[in-house]
Amino acid sequence: MHPQVRWVLVCQLVVTLAVGLVAGVALGFDAAVSAVLGGGIAMASASAYAWRALRLSKQADARRVFRDQVAGEGYKFVVTLLLFTVVFKSYAQLAALPLFLAYVATVVVYWMALLRQQ
C-alpha cells in the first residue's frame, strides 16, 4: 500500500474512533456504532478510490492517469451510495447525526491529505 494512502486511512481511523467515542459517551451505544459506521463508509470509499485510481504503470500517459482518476472517483461514489443504503436498511437503531458527523469528519481528513500534498 502506498505510504500516503496508509497515512490517510490511519488518520481517518483515528478520527472515526474519536467521533465514535464522543458519540458513545454523549449519546450511547447506538450513536457510537452509527458514528463508526459513518467513518467506515468514508474509509471504504477512500480505499476504493485508491485501489482503482492509483494502480498505474510506470509508463502511463496523461490520458490514462486522468481516466484512472475519474474511474476512482466513480468507484468512490458507488461504494458510498451502496454502503449508506446497506447501513440505513439494516441498522434499525441508527443514529443519523453521529453517522453523518463521523462521515463528514472523516472525509475532511481525506481533503486535508490532498491539501497536505500540495
N, C-alpha and C. Protein backbone atom coordinates (compact mmCIF):
# COMPACT_ATOMS: atom_id res chain seq x y z
N MET A 1 0.85 -1.18 0.00
CA MET A 1 0.00 0.00 0.00
C MET A 1 0.89 1.24 0.00
N HIS A 2 0.49 2.20 -0.78
CA HIS A 2 1.24 3.45 -0.89
C HIS A 2 1.28 4.14 0.48
N PRO A 3 2.42 4.70 0.87
CA PRO A 3 2.53 5.33 2.20
C PRO A 3 1.53 6.47 2.44
N GLN A 4 1.23 7.26 1.42
CA GLN A 4 0.27 8.34 1.59
C GLN A 4 -1.14 7.80 1.80
N VAL A 5 -1.48 6.73 1.11
CA VAL A 5 -2.79 6.11 1.29
C VAL A 5 -2.89 5.55 2.70
N ARG A 6 -1.84 4.89 3.15
CA ARG A 6 -1.82 4.35 4.51
C ARG A 6 -1.99 5.48 5.53
N TRP A 7 -1.30 6.60 5.34
CA TRP A 7 -1.39 7.74 6.25
C TRP A 7 -2.82 8.27 6.31
N VAL A 8 -3.45 8.42 5.15
CA VAL A 8 -4.84 8.91 5.11
C VAL A 8 -5.76 7.94 5.85
N LEU A 9 -5.62 6.65 5.60
CA LEU A 9 -6.50 5.67 6.24
C LEU A 9 -6.29 5.61 7.75
N VAL A 10 -5.05 5.73 8.19
CA VAL A 10 -4.79 5.75 9.64
C VAL A 10 -5.41 6.99 10.27
N CYS A 11 -5.24 8.14 9.65
CA CYS A 11 -5.85 9.37 10.17
C CYS A 11 -7.38 9.27 10.18
N GLN A 12 -7.94 8.70 9.13
CA GLN A 12 -9.38 8.52 9.09
C GLN A 12 -9.84 7.57 10.19
N LEU A 13 -9.08 6.53 10.46
CA LEU A 13 -9.44 5.60 11.52
C LEU A 13 -9.40 6.29 12.88
N VAL A 14 -8.39 7.10 13.12
CA VAL A 14 -8.29 7.83 14.39
C VAL A 14 -9.49 8.76 14.56
N VAL A 15 -9.83 9.50 13.53
CA VAL A 15 -10.99 10.41 13.60
C VAL A 15 -12.27 9.62 13.81
N THR A 16 -12.43 8.52 13.10
CA THR A 16 -13.63 7.69 13.25
C THR A 16 -13.78 7.20 14.67
N LEU A 17 -12.70 6.68 15.25
CA LEU A 17 -12.77 6.18 16.62
C LEU A 17 -13.00 7.29 17.63
N ALA A 18 -12.41 8.46 17.39
CA ALA A 18 -12.61 9.59 18.30
C ALA A 18 -14.06 10.06 18.27
N VAL A 19 -14.63 10.20 17.09
CA VAL A 19 -16.03 10.61 16.98
C VAL A 19 -16.94 9.53 17.58
N GLY A 20 -16.61 8.27 17.34
CA GLY A 20 -17.38 7.18 17.93
C GLY A 20 -17.35 7.21 19.44
N LEU A 21 -16.18 7.47 20.01
CA LEU A 21 -16.05 7.56 21.47
C LEU A 21 -16.86 8.71 22.04
N VAL A 22 -16.75 9.88 21.42
CA VAL A 22 -17.51 11.04 21.89
C VAL A 22 -19.01 10.78 21.76
N ALA A 23 -19.43 10.23 20.64
CA ALA A 23 -20.85 9.93 20.44
C ALA A 23 -21.33 8.90 21.45
N GLY A 24 -20.51 7.91 21.73
CA GLY A 24 -20.89 6.89 22.69
C GLY A 24 -21.05 7.44 24.10
N VAL A 25 -20.12 8.29 24.51
CA VAL A 25 -20.20 8.90 25.84
C VAL A 25 -21.39 9.84 25.93
N ALA A 26 -21.60 10.63 24.89
CA ALA A 26 -22.67 11.64 24.93
C ALA A 26 -24.06 11.07 24.67
N LEU A 27 -24.15 10.11 23.75
CA LEU A 27 -25.47 9.68 23.28
C LEU A 27 -25.75 8.19 23.43
N GLY A 28 -24.75 7.40 23.78
CA GLY A 28 -25.00 5.99 23.99
C GLY A 28 -24.40 5.09 22.91
N PHE A 29 -24.62 3.80 23.14
CA PHE A 29 -24.01 2.76 22.30
C PHE A 29 -24.41 2.87 20.83
N ASP A 30 -25.70 3.04 20.55
CA ASP A 30 -26.15 3.10 19.15
C ASP A 30 -25.55 4.28 18.41
N ALA A 31 -25.36 5.39 19.11
CA ALA A 31 -24.72 6.56 18.49
C ALA A 31 -23.26 6.26 18.18
N ALA A 32 -22.59 5.54 19.08
CA ALA A 32 -21.19 5.18 18.84
C ALA A 32 -21.08 4.27 17.62
N VAL A 33 -21.94 3.26 17.56
CA VAL A 33 -21.92 2.34 16.41
C VAL A 33 -22.23 3.11 15.12
N SER A 34 -23.19 3.99 15.17
CA SER A 34 -23.55 4.79 14.00
C SER A 34 -22.37 5.64 13.53
N ALA A 35 -21.66 6.26 14.48
CA ALA A 35 -20.51 7.08 14.12
C ALA A 35 -19.41 6.23 13.49
N VAL A 36 -19.16 5.07 14.05
CA VAL A 36 -18.13 4.19 13.49
C VAL A 36 -18.54 3.73 12.09
N LEU A 37 -19.82 3.46 11.90
CA LEU A 37 -20.29 3.09 10.56
C LEU A 37 -20.09 4.24 9.57
N GLY A 38 -20.40 5.46 9.99
CA GLY A 38 -20.21 6.62 9.12
C GLY A 38 -18.76 6.81 8.72
N GLY A 39 -17.87 6.71 9.69
CA GLY A 39 -16.44 6.81 9.39
C GLY A 39 -15.97 5.65 8.53
N GLY A 40 -16.52 4.48 8.79
CA GLY A 40 -16.17 3.31 8.00
C GLY A 40 -16.56 3.45 6.54
N ILE A 41 -17.71 4.08 6.31
CA ILE A 41 -18.14 4.31 4.93
C ILE A 41 -17.14 5.22 4.21
N ALA A 42 -16.71 6.27 4.89
CA ALA A 42 -15.73 7.18 4.28
C ALA A 42 -14.41 6.47 4.03
N MET A 43 -13.99 5.64 4.97
CA MET A 43 -12.74 4.91 4.80
C MET A 43 -12.83 3.90 3.65
N ALA A 44 -13.95 3.21 3.56
CA ALA A 44 -14.14 2.23 2.48
C ALA A 44 -14.15 2.92 1.12
N SER A 45 -14.80 4.08 1.05
CA SER A 45 -14.83 4.77 -0.24
C SER A 45 -13.45 5.31 -0.61
N ALA A 46 -12.70 5.78 0.37
CA ALA A 46 -11.33 6.24 0.10
C ALA A 46 -10.46 5.07 -0.37
N SER A 47 -10.66 3.92 0.23
CA SER A 47 -9.91 2.72 -0.18
C SER A 47 -10.27 2.31 -1.60
N ALA A 48 -11.56 2.39 -1.93
CA ALA A 48 -11.99 2.04 -3.29
C ALA A 48 -11.37 2.99 -4.31
N TYR A 49 -11.34 4.27 -3.98
CA TYR A 49 -10.71 5.25 -4.87
C TYR A 49 -9.23 4.91 -5.07
N ALA A 50 -8.53 4.70 -3.97
CA ALA A 50 -7.09 4.44 -4.05
C ALA A 50 -6.82 3.16 -4.83
N TRP A 51 -7.63 2.13 -4.58
CA TRP A 51 -7.43 0.86 -5.27
C TRP A 51 -7.56 1.04 -6.78
N ARG A 52 -8.56 1.81 -7.21
CA ARG A 52 -8.81 1.97 -8.64
C ARG A 52 -7.92 3.03 -9.28
N ALA A 53 -7.77 4.16 -8.64
CA ALA A 53 -7.09 5.29 -9.27
C ALA A 53 -5.58 5.20 -9.22
N LEU A 54 -5.04 4.49 -8.26
CA LEU A 54 -3.59 4.51 -8.08
C LEU A 54 -2.89 3.25 -8.56
N ARG A 55 -3.56 2.46 -9.35
CA ARG A 55 -2.91 1.26 -9.87
C ARG A 55 -2.34 1.53 -11.26
N LEU A 56 -1.45 2.47 -11.32
CA LEU A 56 -0.85 2.90 -12.59
C LEU A 56 0.45 2.17 -12.86
N SER A 57 0.73 2.05 -14.13
CA SER A 57 2.04 1.55 -14.50
C SER A 57 3.01 2.73 -14.53
N LYS A 58 4.27 2.43 -14.55
CA LYS A 58 5.30 3.49 -14.55
C LYS A 58 5.28 4.31 -15.84
N GLN A 59 4.75 3.74 -16.91
CA GLN A 59 4.77 4.41 -18.20
C GLN A 59 3.39 4.90 -18.64
N ALA A 60 2.51 5.19 -17.69
CA ALA A 60 1.16 5.63 -18.03
C ALA A 60 1.19 7.05 -18.60
N ASP A 61 0.41 7.26 -19.65
CA ASP A 61 0.32 8.60 -20.22
C ASP A 61 -0.74 9.41 -19.47
N ALA A 62 -0.80 10.70 -19.79
CA ALA A 62 -1.69 11.62 -19.06
C ALA A 62 -3.16 11.22 -19.22
N ARG A 63 -3.55 10.76 -20.39
CA ARG A 63 -4.95 10.35 -20.59
C ARG A 63 -5.30 9.16 -19.70
N ARG A 64 -4.40 8.23 -19.61
CA ARG A 64 -4.63 7.04 -18.77
C ARG A 64 -4.73 7.44 -17.30
N VAL A 65 -3.85 8.32 -16.87
CA VAL A 65 -3.89 8.79 -15.49
C VAL A 65 -5.22 9.48 -15.22
N PHE A 66 -5.65 10.34 -16.13
CA PHE A 66 -6.93 11.03 -15.96
C PHE A 66 -8.08 10.04 -15.92
N ARG A 67 -8.12 9.09 -16.83
CA ARG A 67 -9.20 8.08 -16.84
C ARG A 67 -9.22 7.28 -15.55
N ASP A 68 -8.05 6.92 -15.04
CA ASP A 68 -7.98 6.18 -13.80
C ASP A 68 -8.48 7.00 -12.61
N GLN A 69 -8.18 8.30 -12.62
CA GLN A 69 -8.67 9.17 -11.55
C GLN A 69 -10.19 9.29 -11.60
N VAL A 70 -10.73 9.47 -12.78
CA VAL A 70 -12.19 9.56 -12.94
C VAL A 70 -12.85 8.24 -12.54
N ALA A 71 -12.27 7.13 -12.95
CA ALA A 71 -12.81 5.83 -12.57
C ALA A 71 -12.74 5.65 -11.06
N GLY A 72 -11.66 6.08 -10.44
CA GLY A 72 -11.54 6.01 -8.98
C GLY A 72 -12.62 6.80 -8.28
N GLU A 73 -12.91 7.99 -8.77
CA GLU A 73 -14.00 8.79 -8.19
C GLU A 73 -15.34 8.10 -8.38
N GLY A 74 -15.54 7.45 -9.52
CA GLY A 74 -16.77 6.70 -9.74
C GLY A 74 -16.90 5.55 -8.76
N TYR A 75 -15.83 4.80 -8.55
CA TYR A 75 -15.84 3.72 -7.57
C TYR A 75 -16.17 4.26 -6.18
N LYS A 76 -15.54 5.39 -5.84
CA LYS A 76 -15.76 6.01 -4.52
C LYS A 76 -17.24 6.36 -4.34
N PHE A 77 -17.84 6.94 -5.35
CA PHE A 77 -19.24 7.34 -5.30
C PHE A 77 -20.15 6.12 -5.14
N VAL A 78 -19.91 5.10 -5.94
CA VAL A 78 -20.75 3.88 -5.89
C VAL A 78 -20.62 3.19 -4.53
N VAL A 79 -19.41 3.06 -4.04
CA VAL A 79 -19.20 2.42 -2.73
C VAL A 79 -19.92 3.21 -1.64
N THR A 80 -19.82 4.53 -1.69
CA THR A 80 -20.50 5.38 -0.70
C THR A 80 -22.01 5.16 -0.74
N LEU A 81 -22.59 5.21 -1.92
CA LEU A 81 -24.04 5.00 -2.03
C LEU A 81 -24.47 3.62 -1.55
N LEU A 82 -23.74 2.61 -1.97
CA LEU A 82 -24.09 1.25 -1.56
C LEU A 82 -24.00 1.07 -0.05
N LEU A 83 -22.94 1.56 0.54
CA LEU A 83 -22.77 1.37 1.99
C LEU A 83 -23.79 2.16 2.79
N PHE A 84 -24.10 3.40 2.38
CA PHE A 84 -25.16 4.14 3.08
C PHE A 84 -26.49 3.40 2.96
N THR A 85 -26.77 2.85 1.80
CA THR A 85 -28.00 2.09 1.61
C THR A 85 -28.05 0.88 2.53
N VAL A 86 -26.97 0.15 2.59
CA VAL A 86 -26.91 -1.04 3.45
C VAL A 86 -27.09 -0.65 4.92
N VAL A 87 -26.41 0.39 5.35
CA VAL A 87 -26.50 0.81 6.75
C VAL A 87 -27.91 1.26 7.09
N PHE A 88 -28.51 2.09 6.24
CA PHE A 88 -29.85 2.59 6.53
C PHE A 88 -30.90 1.48 6.51
N LYS A 89 -30.71 0.48 5.67
CA LYS A 89 -31.68 -0.61 5.58
C LYS A 89 -31.48 -1.67 6.66
N SER A 90 -30.27 -1.81 7.17
CA SER A 90 -30.01 -2.95 8.05
C SER A 90 -29.83 -2.60 9.53
N TYR A 91 -29.62 -1.34 9.87
CA TYR A 91 -29.37 -0.99 11.27
C TYR A 91 -30.55 -0.17 11.79
N ALA A 92 -31.46 -0.83 12.46
CA ALA A 92 -32.71 -0.20 12.90
C ALA A 92 -32.49 0.90 13.94
N GLN A 93 -31.47 0.76 14.78
CA GLN A 93 -31.23 1.73 15.85
C GLN A 93 -30.27 2.85 15.41
N LEU A 94 -30.17 3.06 14.13
CA LEU A 94 -29.25 4.03 13.57
C LEU A 94 -29.50 5.43 14.14
N ALA A 95 -28.43 6.10 14.52
CA ALA A 95 -28.48 7.50 14.93
C ALA A 95 -27.87 8.31 13.79
N ALA A 96 -28.71 9.01 13.05
CA ALA A 96 -28.27 9.66 11.81
C ALA A 96 -27.24 10.76 12.04
N LEU A 97 -27.42 11.57 13.07
CA LEU A 97 -26.50 12.68 13.29
C LEU A 97 -25.06 12.20 13.53
N PRO A 98 -24.82 11.27 14.45
CA PRO A 98 -23.44 10.79 14.60
C PRO A 98 -22.90 10.11 13.34
N LEU A 99 -23.76 9.40 12.63
CA LEU A 99 -23.34 8.76 11.38
C LEU A 99 -22.80 9.79 10.40
N PHE A 100 -23.58 10.85 10.16
CA PHE A 100 -23.17 11.86 9.19
C PHE A 100 -22.02 12.73 9.70
N LEU A 101 -22.00 13.02 11.00
CA LEU A 101 -20.89 13.81 11.54
C LEU A 101 -19.57 13.06 11.41
N ALA A 102 -19.58 11.78 11.70
CA ALA A 102 -18.35 10.99 11.56
C ALA A 102 -17.96 10.87 10.08
N TYR A 103 -18.94 10.68 9.22
CA TYR A 103 -18.66 10.60 7.79
C TYR A 103 -18.00 11.89 7.31
N VAL A 104 -18.59 13.03 7.65
CA VAL A 104 -18.06 14.32 7.20
C VAL A 104 -16.67 14.56 7.80
N ALA A 105 -16.50 14.28 9.08
CA ALA A 105 -15.20 14.50 9.71
C ALA A 105 -14.13 13.63 9.04
N THR A 106 -14.49 12.43 8.68
CA THR A 106 -13.53 11.52 8.06
C THR A 106 -13.23 11.93 6.62
N VAL A 107 -14.22 12.45 5.92
CA VAL A 107 -13.99 12.96 4.57
C VAL A 107 -13.11 14.21 4.61
N VAL A 108 -13.27 15.03 5.65
CA VAL A 108 -12.42 16.21 5.79
C VAL A 108 -10.95 15.80 5.93
N VAL A 109 -10.70 14.71 6.63
CA VAL A 109 -9.33 14.19 6.74
C VAL A 109 -8.79 13.88 5.34
N TYR A 110 -9.62 13.28 4.51
CA TYR A 110 -9.24 12.96 3.13
C TYR A 110 -8.87 14.24 2.37
N TRP A 111 -9.71 15.27 2.50
CA TRP A 111 -9.43 16.54 1.82
C TRP A 111 -8.15 17.18 2.35
N MET A 112 -7.96 17.13 3.65
CA MET A 112 -6.77 17.72 4.25
C MET A 112 -5.51 17.00 3.74
N ALA A 113 -5.61 15.72 3.53
CA ALA A 113 -4.47 14.97 2.99
C ALA A 113 -4.16 15.43 1.58
N LEU A 114 -5.19 15.73 0.80
CA LEU A 114 -4.94 16.25 -0.55
C LEU A 114 -4.25 17.62 -0.49
N LEU A 115 -4.67 18.46 0.45
CA LEU A 115 -4.02 19.78 0.61
C LEU A 115 -2.60 19.63 1.11
N ARG A 116 -2.38 18.64 1.95
CA ARG A 116 -1.05 18.41 2.52
C ARG A 116 -0.05 18.08 1.41
N GLN A 117 -0.50 17.45 0.36
CA GLN A 117 0.39 17.06 -0.73
C GLN A 117 0.76 18.24 -1.62
N GLN A 118 0.00 19.30 -1.57
CA GLN A 118 0.24 20.46 -2.45
C GLN A 118 1.44 21.25 -2.01
